[in-house]
């Protein structure tokens, strides 16, 4: 039996091959983001909060949406901001 190589198999791409691969990155990133979103909902049973049509909304696993707050159009919310409901 020949010894196993410790080197990984390397593929050399041409410039055209790299350009074609690079054009796929935005689509792959969007797909990964959507999969992560739905995986989070499914695995944790948690909700996600996002902006939609000028509103901060909470989306449940079953697809139901609850409006948390209406925002002025163009209002930016800093990523990572923790929003709390007022009782």
Protein backbone atom coordinates (compact mmCIF):
# COMPACT_ATOMS: atom_id res chain seq x y z
CA UNK A 1 0.00 0.00 0.00
CA UNK A 2 1.49 3.41 -0.96
CA UNK A 3 2.01 5.93 1.86
CA UNK A 4 -0.73 8.52 2.28
CA UNK A 5 0.18 12.02 1.23
CA UNK A 6 -0.15 14.75 3.84
CA UNK A 7 -0.51 17.44 1.17
CA UNK A 8 -4.00 18.54 0.25
CA UNK A 9 -5.02 18.25 -3.37
CA UNK A 10 -4.61 21.69 -4.96
CA UNK A 11 -6.50 22.93 -7.98
CA UNK A 12 -5.00 25.75 -9.99
CA UNK A 13 -7.62 28.09 -11.42
CA UNK A 14 -7.19 30.24 -14.46
CA UNK A 15 -8.03 33.96 -14.24
CA UNK A 16 -11.34 33.27 -15.97
CA UNK A 17 -12.07 30.43 -13.54
CA UNK A 18 -11.41 32.72 -10.58
CA UNK A 19 -13.69 35.42 -12.00
CA UNK A 20 -16.50 32.90 -12.49
CA UNK A 21 -16.03 31.60 -8.92
CA UNK A 22 -15.96 35.15 -7.49
CA UNK A 23 -19.26 36.03 -9.21
CA UNK A 24 -20.91 33.21 -7.23
CA UNK A 25 -19.86 34.63 -3.82
CA UNK A 26 -22.82 37.06 -3.32
CA UNK A 27 -25.35 34.34 -4.13
CA UNK A 28 -23.61 31.84 -1.85
CA UNK A 29 -23.43 34.41 0.98
CA UNK A 30 -27.12 35.27 0.65
CA UNK A 31 -28.05 31.58 0.67
CA UNK A 32 -25.90 30.96 3.77
CA UNK A 33 -27.53 33.91 5.54
CA UNK A 34 -31.04 32.64 4.80
CA UNK A 35 -30.11 29.13 5.92
CA UNK A 36 -28.64 30.47 9.18
CA UNK A 37 -31.78 32.54 9.79
CA UNK A 38 -34.13 29.58 9.38
CA UNK A 39 -31.81 27.21 11.26
CA UNK A 40 -31.81 29.61 14.22
CA UNK A 41 -35.59 29.72 14.24
CA UNK A 42 -35.96 25.96 13.87
CA UNK A 43 -33.27 24.82 16.31
CA UNK A 44 -33.79 27.30 19.11
CA UNK A 45 -37.49 27.99 18.78
CA UNK A 46 -36.47 31.59 19.25
CA UNK A 47 -37.75 34.56 17.37
CA UNK A 48 -35.82 36.93 15.18
CA UNK A 49 -36.19 40.67 15.10
CA UNK A 50 -35.67 42.60 11.90
CA UNK A 51 -36.64 45.75 10.03
CA UNK A 52 -39.37 45.39 7.44
CA UNK A 53 -41.13 48.25 5.66
CA UNK A 54 -40.19 50.84 8.28
CA UNK A 55 -41.20 48.63 11.20
CA UNK A 56 -39.24 46.60 13.72
CA UNK A 57 -40.91 43.19 13.59
CA UNK A 58 -40.58 39.95 15.47
CA UNK A 59 -40.88 36.79 13.36
CA UNK A 60 -41.83 33.45 14.90
CA UNK A 61 -41.02 29.98 13.58
CA UNK A 62 -44.60 29.54 12.37
CA UNK A 63 -44.17 32.62 10.14
CA UNK A 64 -46.33 34.92 12.23
CA UNK A 65 -45.08 38.48 12.56
CA UNK A 66 -45.63 40.93 15.43
CA UNK A 67 -44.91 44.62 14.93
CA UNK A 68 -42.79 45.87 17.81
CA UNK A 69 -42.32 49.46 16.75
CA UNK A 70 -42.89 51.76 13.79
CA UNK A 71 -39.73 53.56 12.76
CA UNK A 72 -39.17 56.59 10.62
CA UNK A 73 -38.21 55.58 7.10
CA UNK A 74 -34.44 55.49 6.79
CA UNK A 75 -33.90 55.11 10.54
CA UNK A 76 -30.82 52.98 11.09
CA UNK A 77 -30.57 50.58 14.00
CA UNK A 78 -27.03 49.73 15.03
CA UNK A 79 -26.34 46.00 14.64
CA UNK A 80 -26.34 44.26 18.00
CA UNK A 81 -28.71 46.75 19.62
CA UNK A 82 -30.93 45.09 22.21
CA UNK A 83 -34.53 46.24 22.08
CA UNK A 84 -36.82 45.75 25.04
CA UNK A 85 -40.61 45.84 25.08
CA UNK A 86 -42.22 48.53 27.17
CA UNK A 87 -44.87 47.02 29.44
